[in-house]
N, C-alpha and C. Protein backbone atom coordinates (compact mmCIF):
# COMPACT_ATOMS: atom_id res chain seq x y z
N MET A 1 -14.72 63.54 19.45
CA MET A 1 -14.75 63.55 20.90
C MET A 1 -15.37 64.85 21.38
N PRO A 2 -16.29 64.77 22.34
CA PRO A 2 -16.87 66.00 22.88
C PRO A 2 -15.82 66.79 23.67
N VAL A 3 -16.04 68.10 23.74
CA VAL A 3 -15.12 68.97 24.48
C VAL A 3 -15.28 68.68 25.97
N PRO A 4 -14.17 68.42 26.67
CA PRO A 4 -14.25 68.14 28.11
C PRO A 4 -14.76 69.35 28.89
N SER A 5 -15.41 69.07 30.00
CA SER A 5 -15.89 70.14 30.88
C SER A 5 -14.72 70.68 31.71
N ILE A 6 -14.93 71.81 32.33
CA ILE A 6 -13.91 72.39 33.21
C ILE A 6 -13.59 71.41 34.34
N GLU A 7 -14.62 70.74 34.86
CA GLU A 7 -14.39 69.77 35.94
C GLU A 7 -13.54 68.59 35.47
N GLN A 8 -13.77 68.11 34.25
CA GLN A 8 -12.97 67.02 33.70
C GLN A 8 -11.51 67.45 33.49
N VAL A 9 -11.33 68.66 33.01
CA VAL A 9 -9.96 69.18 32.80
C VAL A 9 -9.25 69.32 34.14
N ALA A 10 -9.91 69.90 35.13
CA ALA A 10 -9.29 70.08 36.45
C ALA A 10 -8.90 68.73 37.05
N ALA A 11 -9.79 67.74 36.94
CA ALA A 11 -9.50 66.42 37.50
C ALA A 11 -8.31 65.77 36.78
N ALA A 12 -8.26 65.89 35.46
CA ALA A 12 -7.14 65.31 34.70
C ALA A 12 -5.83 65.99 35.04
N VAL A 13 -5.84 67.32 35.16
CA VAL A 13 -4.62 68.06 35.50
C VAL A 13 -4.12 67.63 36.88
N GLU A 14 -5.02 67.51 37.83
CA GLU A 14 -4.62 67.10 39.18
C GLU A 14 -4.06 65.68 39.17
N ARG A 15 -4.70 64.79 38.44
CA ARG A 15 -4.28 63.39 38.39
C ARG A 15 -2.99 63.20 37.58
N GLU A 16 -2.89 63.84 36.41
CA GLU A 16 -1.78 63.61 35.49
C GLU A 16 -0.54 64.47 35.78
N LEU A 17 -0.74 65.67 36.31
CA LEU A 17 0.39 66.56 36.58
C LEU A 17 0.66 66.76 38.06
N GLY A 18 -0.22 66.26 38.91
CA GLY A 18 -0.02 66.39 40.34
C GLY A 18 -0.21 67.79 40.88
N LEU A 19 -0.95 68.62 40.15
CA LEU A 19 -1.21 69.98 40.60
C LEU A 19 -2.49 70.03 41.41
N THR A 20 -2.53 70.94 42.36
CA THR A 20 -3.78 71.30 43.00
C THR A 20 -4.31 72.50 42.24
N VAL A 21 -5.45 72.34 41.58
CA VAL A 21 -6.00 73.40 40.73
C VAL A 21 -6.73 74.42 41.60
N HIS A 22 -6.34 75.69 41.46
CA HIS A 22 -6.99 76.77 42.21
C HIS A 22 -7.93 77.57 41.33
N GLN A 23 -7.60 77.68 40.06
CA GLN A 23 -8.43 78.45 39.13
C GLN A 23 -8.27 77.86 37.74
N ILE A 24 -9.38 77.80 37.01
CA ILE A 24 -9.35 77.33 35.63
C ILE A 24 -10.37 78.14 34.84
N ARG A 25 -9.95 78.54 33.64
CA ARG A 25 -10.81 79.36 32.79
C ARG A 25 -10.73 78.84 31.36
N ARG A 26 -11.88 78.67 30.74
CA ARG A 26 -11.94 78.21 29.36
C ARG A 26 -11.88 79.40 28.42
N GLN A 27 -11.05 79.29 27.40
CA GLN A 27 -11.02 80.30 26.34
C GLN A 27 -11.97 79.81 25.26
N THR A 28 -12.98 80.59 24.95
CA THR A 28 -13.96 80.19 23.96
C THR A 28 -13.41 80.49 22.57
N ARG A 29 -13.23 79.44 21.80
CA ARG A 29 -12.76 79.56 20.43
C ARG A 29 -12.89 78.22 19.75
N TRP A 30 -12.41 78.12 18.52
CA TRP A 30 -12.53 76.89 17.73
C TRP A 30 -11.64 75.77 18.25
N ARG A 31 -10.71 76.09 19.09
CA ARG A 31 -9.86 75.07 19.71
C ARG A 31 -10.09 75.13 21.21
N PRO A 32 -10.54 74.01 21.81
CA PRO A 32 -10.73 74.03 23.25
C PRO A 32 -9.41 74.33 23.97
N THR A 33 -9.41 75.37 24.77
CA THR A 33 -8.22 75.80 25.50
C THR A 33 -8.63 76.25 26.89
N TRP A 34 -7.84 75.83 27.88
CA TRP A 34 -8.10 76.21 29.26
C TRP A 34 -6.82 76.78 29.87
N PHE A 35 -6.96 77.83 30.68
CA PHE A 35 -5.86 78.41 31.44
C PHE A 35 -6.01 77.94 32.87
N VAL A 36 -4.99 77.27 33.37
CA VAL A 36 -5.07 76.64 34.69
C VAL A 36 -4.00 77.24 35.60
N HIS A 37 -4.42 77.63 36.81
CA HIS A 37 -3.50 78.11 37.83
C HIS A 37 -3.57 77.13 38.99
N GLY A 38 -2.41 76.59 39.35
CA GLY A 38 -2.40 75.61 40.43
C GLY A 38 -1.09 75.64 41.18
N THR A 39 -0.97 74.74 42.15
CA THR A 39 0.27 74.62 42.93
C THR A 39 0.63 73.15 43.06
N ARG A 40 1.93 72.94 43.26
CA ARG A 40 2.48 71.63 43.58
C ARG A 40 3.68 71.87 44.49
N ASP A 41 3.66 71.23 45.64
CA ASP A 41 4.76 71.40 46.61
C ASP A 41 4.99 72.87 46.97
N GLY A 42 3.91 73.62 47.08
CA GLY A 42 4.02 75.03 47.48
C GLY A 42 4.44 75.97 46.36
N GLN A 43 4.73 75.43 45.16
CA GLN A 43 5.15 76.26 44.02
C GLN A 43 3.96 76.50 43.09
N ARG A 44 3.81 77.73 42.63
CA ARG A 44 2.74 78.07 41.68
C ARG A 44 3.12 77.56 40.29
N HIS A 45 2.14 76.99 39.61
CA HIS A 45 2.32 76.53 38.23
C HIS A 45 1.13 77.01 37.41
N ASP A 46 1.43 77.73 36.34
CA ASP A 46 0.40 78.21 35.42
C ASP A 46 0.59 77.47 34.10
N ILE A 47 -0.46 76.80 33.66
CA ILE A 47 -0.35 76.01 32.43
C ILE A 47 -1.52 76.31 31.50
N VAL A 48 -1.33 75.89 30.26
CA VAL A 48 -2.38 75.93 29.24
C VAL A 48 -2.68 74.49 28.87
N VAL A 49 -3.95 74.17 28.84
CA VAL A 49 -4.38 72.86 28.34
C VAL A 49 -4.98 73.14 26.97
N ARG A 50 -4.32 72.65 25.95
CA ARG A 50 -4.69 72.98 24.57
C ARG A 50 -5.24 71.73 23.89
N GLY A 51 -6.55 71.76 23.58
CA GLY A 51 -7.21 70.61 22.98
C GLY A 51 -7.13 70.60 21.46
N ASP A 52 -7.60 69.51 20.89
CA ASP A 52 -7.62 69.36 19.44
C ASP A 52 -8.68 70.25 18.83
N ARG A 53 -8.43 70.73 17.63
CA ARG A 53 -9.39 71.59 16.93
C ARG A 53 -10.70 70.84 16.71
N VAL A 54 -11.80 71.56 16.82
CA VAL A 54 -13.11 70.95 16.60
C VAL A 54 -13.68 71.33 15.23
N ASP A 55 -13.03 72.26 14.52
CA ASP A 55 -13.55 72.72 13.24
C ASP A 55 -12.95 72.01 12.04
N THR A 56 -11.83 71.35 12.20
CA THR A 56 -11.17 70.67 11.09
C THR A 56 -10.17 69.66 11.63
N SER A 57 -9.87 68.68 10.81
CA SER A 57 -8.85 67.71 11.20
C SER A 57 -7.64 67.81 10.27
N VAL A 58 -7.50 68.98 9.61
CA VAL A 58 -6.42 69.12 8.63
C VAL A 58 -5.06 68.86 9.26
N TYR A 59 -4.82 69.36 10.44
CA TYR A 59 -3.60 69.04 11.18
C TYR A 59 -4.02 68.69 12.60
N PRO A 60 -4.00 67.40 12.96
CA PRO A 60 -4.41 67.01 14.30
C PRO A 60 -3.42 67.52 15.36
N LEU A 61 -3.83 67.47 16.59
CA LEU A 61 -3.03 67.98 17.70
C LEU A 61 -1.67 67.28 17.78
N THR A 62 -1.63 66.01 17.45
CA THR A 62 -0.34 65.30 17.47
C THR A 62 0.64 65.91 16.47
N HIS A 63 0.13 66.44 15.36
CA HIS A 63 0.99 67.14 14.39
C HIS A 63 1.53 68.42 15.00
N GLU A 64 0.65 69.16 15.67
CA GLU A 64 1.08 70.39 16.33
C GLU A 64 2.14 70.10 17.39
N LEU A 65 1.95 69.02 18.13
CA LEU A 65 2.91 68.63 19.15
C LEU A 65 4.28 68.33 18.52
N ALA A 66 4.28 67.62 17.40
CA ALA A 66 5.54 67.32 16.70
C ALA A 66 6.19 68.60 16.19
N PHE A 67 5.40 69.50 15.59
CA PHE A 67 5.91 70.77 15.07
C PHE A 67 6.52 71.59 16.20
N HIS A 68 5.81 71.67 17.31
CA HIS A 68 6.27 72.41 18.48
C HIS A 68 7.60 71.83 18.98
N SER A 69 7.69 70.51 19.05
CA SER A 69 8.91 69.85 19.52
C SER A 69 10.10 70.13 18.60
N ILE A 70 9.86 70.14 17.30
CA ILE A 70 10.93 70.43 16.34
C ILE A 70 11.44 71.86 16.55
N LEU A 71 10.52 72.80 16.74
CA LEU A 71 10.94 74.18 16.99
C LEU A 71 11.80 74.25 18.25
N ALA A 72 11.34 73.60 19.32
CA ALA A 72 12.09 73.62 20.59
C ALA A 72 13.47 72.98 20.41
N ASP A 73 13.53 71.86 19.67
CA ASP A 73 14.80 71.18 19.43
C ASP A 73 15.80 72.05 18.67
N HIS A 74 15.29 73.01 17.89
CA HIS A 74 16.16 73.90 17.12
C HIS A 74 16.38 75.25 17.82
N GLY A 75 16.00 75.34 19.09
CA GLY A 75 16.27 76.55 19.86
C GLY A 75 15.32 77.71 19.63
N ILE A 76 14.19 77.45 18.98
CA ILE A 76 13.19 78.50 18.77
C ILE A 76 12.42 78.66 20.08
N PRO A 77 12.23 79.89 20.55
CA PRO A 77 11.52 80.07 21.83
C PRO A 77 10.03 79.71 21.70
N VAL A 78 9.66 78.62 22.35
CA VAL A 78 8.26 78.17 22.40
C VAL A 78 7.96 77.77 23.84
N PRO A 79 6.68 77.77 24.22
CA PRO A 79 6.36 77.34 25.59
C PRO A 79 6.80 75.90 25.83
N LYS A 80 7.20 75.62 27.06
CA LYS A 80 7.61 74.27 27.44
C LYS A 80 6.41 73.33 27.37
N ILE A 81 6.65 72.13 26.85
CA ILE A 81 5.61 71.10 26.80
C ILE A 81 5.74 70.26 28.06
N TYR A 82 4.65 70.15 28.83
CA TYR A 82 4.66 69.32 30.04
C TYR A 82 4.14 67.91 29.76
N GLY A 83 3.46 67.73 28.64
CA GLY A 83 2.99 66.39 28.31
C GLY A 83 1.74 66.41 27.46
N TYR A 84 1.29 65.20 27.14
CA TYR A 84 0.09 65.00 26.34
C TYR A 84 -0.90 64.18 27.16
N SER A 85 -2.14 64.58 27.17
CA SER A 85 -3.18 63.86 27.90
C SER A 85 -4.01 63.04 26.93
N ASP A 86 -3.88 61.70 27.02
CA ASP A 86 -4.73 60.83 26.20
C ASP A 86 -6.19 60.98 26.61
N GLU A 87 -6.42 61.19 27.89
CA GLU A 87 -7.78 61.32 28.41
C GLU A 87 -8.50 62.54 27.82
N LEU A 88 -7.80 63.67 27.76
CA LEU A 88 -8.40 64.91 27.27
C LEU A 88 -8.14 65.15 25.79
N HIS A 89 -7.24 64.38 25.20
CA HIS A 89 -6.75 64.65 23.84
C HIS A 89 -6.26 66.09 23.78
N ALA A 90 -5.32 66.40 24.69
CA ALA A 90 -4.84 67.77 24.84
C ALA A 90 -3.36 67.78 25.21
N ILE A 91 -2.72 68.91 24.94
CA ILE A 91 -1.32 69.13 25.30
C ILE A 91 -1.30 70.01 26.55
N TYR A 92 -0.39 69.70 27.46
CA TYR A 92 -0.14 70.55 28.62
C TYR A 92 1.07 71.42 28.28
N LEU A 93 0.90 72.73 28.32
CA LEU A 93 1.96 73.68 27.97
C LEU A 93 2.18 74.69 29.08
N GLU A 94 3.38 75.23 29.11
CA GLU A 94 3.69 76.36 29.98
C GLU A 94 2.83 77.55 29.56
N LEU A 95 2.26 78.25 30.53
CA LEU A 95 1.53 79.48 30.24
C LEU A 95 2.54 80.62 30.18
N VAL A 96 2.65 81.22 29.02
CA VAL A 96 3.60 82.31 28.82
C VAL A 96 2.89 83.62 29.14
N PRO A 97 3.47 84.44 30.01
CA PRO A 97 2.80 85.70 30.36
C PRO A 97 2.75 86.65 29.17
N GLY A 98 1.77 87.48 29.17
CA GLY A 98 1.64 88.46 28.09
C GLY A 98 0.22 88.95 27.97
N LYS A 99 -0.04 89.69 26.91
CA LYS A 99 -1.36 90.21 26.65
C LYS A 99 -1.57 90.22 25.14
N PRO A 100 -2.82 90.30 24.69
CA PRO A 100 -3.09 90.18 23.25
C PRO A 100 -2.85 91.44 22.43
N ASP A 101 -2.44 92.53 23.07
CA ASP A 101 -2.21 93.76 22.34
C ASP A 101 -1.10 94.56 23.03
N PHE A 102 -0.80 95.73 22.48
CA PHE A 102 0.27 96.56 23.03
C PHE A 102 -0.26 97.75 23.83
N GLU A 103 -1.54 97.74 24.16
CA GLU A 103 -2.11 98.86 24.90
C GLU A 103 -1.40 99.01 26.25
N GLY A 104 -0.90 100.21 26.51
CA GLY A 104 -0.22 100.49 27.77
C GLY A 104 1.22 100.03 27.83
N VAL A 105 1.74 99.44 26.75
CA VAL A 105 3.13 98.97 26.72
C VAL A 105 4.00 100.11 26.20
N PRO A 106 5.06 100.45 26.93
CA PRO A 106 5.94 101.53 26.47
C PRO A 106 6.51 101.22 25.08
N GLU A 107 6.72 102.25 24.29
CA GLU A 107 7.20 102.08 22.92
C GLU A 107 8.51 101.29 22.86
N SER A 108 9.43 101.54 23.79
CA SER A 108 10.71 100.82 23.77
C SER A 108 10.50 99.32 24.00
N ASP A 109 9.57 98.96 24.90
CA ASP A 109 9.27 97.54 25.12
C ASP A 109 8.60 96.93 23.90
N ARG A 110 7.66 97.68 23.32
CA ARG A 110 6.98 97.19 22.12
C ARG A 110 7.99 96.92 21.01
N ASP A 111 8.91 97.84 20.79
CA ASP A 111 9.91 97.67 19.74
C ASP A 111 10.79 96.45 20.01
N ARG A 112 11.17 96.24 21.26
CA ARG A 112 12.00 95.09 21.62
C ARG A 112 11.24 93.78 21.39
N ILE A 113 9.97 93.74 21.80
CA ILE A 113 9.15 92.53 21.64
C ILE A 113 8.95 92.20 20.17
N VAL A 114 8.63 93.19 19.36
CA VAL A 114 8.45 92.96 17.93
C VAL A 114 9.75 92.49 17.29
N ASP A 115 10.87 93.10 17.68
CA ASP A 115 12.16 92.70 17.14
C ASP A 115 12.49 91.26 17.52
N GLU A 116 12.25 90.88 18.77
CA GLU A 116 12.50 89.49 19.20
C GLU A 116 11.64 88.52 18.41
N TYR A 117 10.38 88.87 18.22
CA TYR A 117 9.47 88.02 17.44
C TYR A 117 9.96 87.87 16.00
N LEU A 118 10.31 88.99 15.36
CA LEU A 118 10.77 88.93 13.97
C LEU A 118 12.06 88.12 13.84
N GLN A 119 12.97 88.27 14.80
CA GLN A 119 14.21 87.48 14.77
C GLN A 119 13.91 85.99 14.90
N ALA A 120 12.94 85.64 15.76
CA ALA A 120 12.55 84.23 15.90
C ALA A 120 11.95 83.71 14.59
N MET A 121 11.13 84.53 13.92
CA MET A 121 10.54 84.11 12.65
C MET A 121 11.60 83.91 11.57
N VAL A 122 12.62 84.76 11.57
CA VAL A 122 13.72 84.58 10.63
C VAL A 122 14.39 83.22 10.88
N ARG A 123 14.60 82.89 12.15
CA ARG A 123 15.22 81.61 12.49
C ARG A 123 14.33 80.44 12.08
N VAL A 124 13.03 80.57 12.25
CA VAL A 124 12.09 79.51 11.84
C VAL A 124 12.20 79.28 10.34
N HIS A 125 12.23 80.35 9.57
CA HIS A 125 12.28 80.22 8.11
C HIS A 125 13.62 79.73 7.59
N ARG A 126 14.62 79.70 8.43
CA ARG A 126 15.92 79.14 8.04
C ARG A 126 16.06 77.67 8.41
N LEU A 127 15.10 77.12 9.14
CA LEU A 127 15.19 75.72 9.56
C LEU A 127 15.08 74.79 8.35
N PRO A 128 15.74 73.63 8.43
CA PRO A 128 15.59 72.65 7.35
C PRO A 128 14.16 72.12 7.32
N LEU A 129 13.65 71.83 6.12
CA LEU A 129 12.29 71.35 5.97
C LEU A 129 12.13 69.87 6.33
N GLU A 130 13.20 69.10 6.19
CA GLU A 130 13.10 67.65 6.34
C GLU A 130 12.47 67.20 7.66
N PRO A 131 12.85 67.74 8.82
CA PRO A 131 12.22 67.27 10.05
C PRO A 131 10.70 67.49 10.06
N PHE A 132 10.25 68.58 9.47
CA PHE A 132 8.83 68.88 9.44
C PHE A 132 8.09 67.92 8.49
N VAL A 133 8.69 67.66 7.34
CA VAL A 133 8.09 66.73 6.38
C VAL A 133 8.05 65.32 6.98
N GLN A 134 9.14 64.92 7.66
CA GLN A 134 9.17 63.60 8.30
C GLN A 134 8.12 63.49 9.40
N ALA A 135 7.77 64.62 10.02
CA ALA A 135 6.76 64.62 11.09
C ALA A 135 5.34 64.68 10.53
N GLY A 136 5.21 64.77 9.20
CA GLY A 136 3.87 64.75 8.60
C GLY A 136 3.38 66.07 8.06
N SER A 137 4.21 67.10 8.06
CA SER A 137 3.78 68.37 7.49
C SER A 137 3.61 68.23 5.99
N PHE A 138 2.58 68.84 5.48
CA PHE A 138 2.31 68.82 4.05
C PHE A 138 3.24 69.80 3.37
N ARG A 139 3.90 69.35 2.31
CA ARG A 139 4.85 70.20 1.60
C ARG A 139 4.34 70.44 0.18
N ALA A 140 4.41 71.68 -0.25
CA ALA A 140 3.98 72.03 -1.60
C ALA A 140 4.86 71.32 -2.63
N GLU A 141 4.28 71.09 -3.80
CA GLU A 141 5.04 70.43 -4.87
C GLU A 141 6.16 71.32 -5.40
N ASN A 142 5.97 72.63 -5.34
CA ASN A 142 7.01 73.56 -5.80
C ASN A 142 6.91 74.83 -4.96
N PRO A 143 7.97 75.62 -4.92
CA PRO A 143 7.98 76.82 -4.07
C PRO A 143 6.84 77.81 -4.36
N ARG A 144 6.40 77.90 -5.63
CA ARG A 144 5.32 78.85 -5.96
C ARG A 144 4.01 78.47 -5.28
N GLN A 145 3.83 77.21 -4.91
CA GLN A 145 2.60 76.76 -4.27
C GLN A 145 2.68 76.78 -2.75
N SER A 146 3.81 77.18 -2.19
CA SER A 146 3.98 77.08 -0.74
C SER A 146 2.96 77.91 0.05
N GLY A 147 2.51 79.01 -0.50
CA GLY A 147 1.52 79.84 0.20
C GLY A 147 0.10 79.27 0.14
N THR A 148 -0.14 78.34 -0.78
CA THR A 148 -1.49 77.77 -0.93
C THR A 148 -1.53 76.27 -0.65
N ALA A 149 -0.45 75.69 -0.23
CA ALA A 149 -0.39 74.24 -0.01
C ALA A 149 -1.43 73.77 1.00
N HIS A 150 -1.71 74.60 1.98
CA HIS A 150 -2.69 74.25 3.01
C HIS A 150 -4.06 73.98 2.37
N ARG A 151 -4.42 74.78 1.36
CA ARG A 151 -5.71 74.58 0.69
C ARG A 151 -5.78 73.23 0.00
N PHE A 152 -4.67 72.78 -0.58
CA PHE A 152 -4.65 71.47 -1.24
C PHE A 152 -4.92 70.37 -0.22
N ARG A 153 -4.33 70.49 0.95
CA ARG A 153 -4.55 69.49 2.00
C ARG A 153 -6.01 69.51 2.48
N LEU A 154 -6.56 70.69 2.68
CA LEU A 154 -7.97 70.80 3.09
C LEU A 154 -8.88 70.16 2.04
N ALA A 155 -8.63 70.45 0.78
CA ALA A 155 -9.46 69.90 -0.29
C ALA A 155 -9.36 68.38 -0.33
N ALA A 156 -8.17 67.84 -0.17
CA ALA A 156 -7.99 66.38 -0.19
C ALA A 156 -8.74 65.72 0.97
N LEU A 157 -8.68 66.32 2.15
CA LEU A 157 -9.42 65.77 3.29
C LEU A 157 -10.92 65.85 3.06
N TRP A 158 -11.38 66.96 2.50
CA TRP A 158 -12.80 67.12 2.23
C TRP A 158 -13.27 66.07 1.22
N ARG A 159 -12.51 65.90 0.14
CA ARG A 159 -12.89 64.91 -0.88
C ARG A 159 -12.88 63.49 -0.32
N ALA A 160 -11.95 63.20 0.56
CA ALA A 160 -11.87 61.85 1.15
C ALA A 160 -13.10 61.53 2.00
N LYS A 161 -13.74 62.56 2.56
CA LYS A 161 -14.92 62.35 3.41
C LYS A 161 -16.23 62.41 2.63
N LYS A 162 -16.18 62.83 1.37
CA LYS A 162 -17.40 62.94 0.57
C LYS A 162 -18.00 61.55 0.37
N THR A 163 -19.32 61.46 0.44
CA THR A 163 -19.99 60.18 0.18
C THR A 163 -20.70 60.16 -1.16
N ARG A 164 -20.84 61.32 -1.80
CA ARG A 164 -21.46 61.39 -3.12
C ARG A 164 -20.97 62.64 -3.81
N PRO A 165 -21.11 62.69 -5.13
CA PRO A 165 -20.67 63.90 -5.85
C PRO A 165 -21.50 65.11 -5.45
N VAL A 166 -20.87 66.25 -5.45
CA VAL A 166 -21.54 67.50 -5.14
C VAL A 166 -21.31 68.45 -6.32
N HIS A 167 -22.39 69.01 -6.83
CA HIS A 167 -22.29 69.96 -7.94
C HIS A 167 -22.97 71.25 -7.52
N ARG A 168 -22.32 72.32 -7.79
CA ARG A 168 -22.90 73.63 -7.49
C ARG A 168 -23.01 74.44 -8.76
N VAL A 169 -24.13 74.99 -8.97
CA VAL A 169 -24.31 75.90 -10.10
C VAL A 169 -24.37 77.31 -9.53
N LEU A 170 -23.48 78.13 -10.01
CA LEU A 170 -23.36 79.48 -9.47
C LEU A 170 -24.14 80.51 -10.28
N SER A 171 -24.93 80.03 -11.25
CA SER A 171 -25.63 80.99 -12.13
C SER A 171 -26.58 81.90 -11.38
N GLY A 172 -27.10 81.46 -10.25
CA GLY A 172 -28.01 82.31 -9.49
C GLY A 172 -27.31 83.39 -8.70
N LEU A 173 -26.00 83.41 -8.75
CA LEU A 173 -25.24 84.38 -7.95
C LEU A 173 -24.74 85.56 -8.79
N ALA A 174 -25.36 85.76 -9.95
CA ALA A 174 -24.94 86.89 -10.79
C ALA A 174 -25.17 88.19 -10.04
N ALA A 175 -24.20 89.07 -10.12
CA ALA A 175 -24.30 90.35 -9.40
C ALA A 175 -24.34 91.50 -10.40
N ALA A 176 -25.04 92.53 -10.03
CA ALA A 176 -25.12 93.70 -10.90
C ALA A 176 -23.88 94.57 -10.72
N SER A 177 -23.36 95.04 -11.80
CA SER A 177 -22.21 95.94 -11.72
C SER A 177 -22.71 97.35 -11.42
N SER A 178 -21.81 98.27 -11.29
CA SER A 178 -22.20 99.64 -10.97
C SER A 178 -23.02 100.28 -12.09
N THR A 179 -22.92 99.72 -13.30
CA THR A 179 -23.71 100.27 -14.43
C THR A 179 -25.06 99.58 -14.53
N GLY A 180 -25.31 98.60 -13.66
CA GLY A 180 -26.60 97.91 -13.72
C GLY A 180 -26.57 96.68 -14.60
N LYS A 181 -25.47 96.44 -15.30
CA LYS A 181 -25.37 95.27 -16.16
C LYS A 181 -24.98 94.06 -15.32
N GLN A 182 -25.44 92.89 -15.75
CA GLN A 182 -25.10 91.68 -15.03
C GLN A 182 -23.73 91.17 -15.45
N ARG A 183 -23.04 90.58 -14.48
CA ARG A 183 -21.76 89.98 -14.77
C ARG A 183 -21.96 88.63 -15.40
N THR A 184 -20.92 88.08 -15.96
CA THR A 184 -20.98 86.77 -16.60
C THR A 184 -21.32 85.71 -15.58
N ARG A 185 -22.18 84.79 -15.97
CA ARG A 185 -22.56 83.70 -15.09
C ARG A 185 -21.64 82.53 -15.35
N GLY A 186 -21.44 81.72 -14.31
CA GLY A 186 -20.59 80.56 -14.48
C GLY A 186 -21.03 79.43 -13.59
N SER A 187 -20.43 78.28 -13.76
CA SER A 187 -20.75 77.14 -12.90
C SER A 187 -19.46 76.45 -12.52
N CYS A 188 -19.54 75.66 -11.47
CA CYS A 188 -18.36 75.00 -10.94
C CYS A 188 -18.76 73.62 -10.45
N SER A 189 -18.00 72.60 -10.76
CA SER A 189 -18.22 71.25 -10.22
C SER A 189 -17.08 70.91 -9.31
N VAL A 190 -17.40 70.31 -8.20
CA VAL A 190 -16.36 69.93 -7.23
C VAL A 190 -16.39 68.44 -7.06
């Protein structure tokens, strides 16, 4: 699906959420995201419209929505979900105030924010795995693979989309060491 225009996003937000859009800004990145400022019944509403990733389908947006809901159900602080837009293939979320760095933030506030974040992460890591697995999260075969399980899923998706075998010979990539000698050459088949 092509990335919706700002005008399409504004129209969908007005139609689906009943907001009058006053300002909308696209965040340029691998995931289409828009920051929307609007009003409804005289009240200001700031939301994020978060689209599906355009660089990979390893975890579709519906998976993220399920993951987000599980965290909220277990009391983990996450932005409120206002809904899902079939038209935009996007999630409507509460816009959480903040900034991307600690520049100008007093040290005591920074320490409190980092501590709150770390405490939330501890709670996330204590959650039972079953709800996530039932929602479609990929689980490593054993605990030692948990840090690399994502790569297995990416490789499986890539192989499923292949239409013919691909072979790469890496022999042309030999590099000279600091002594001027060449390193061992090798090849790899995928």
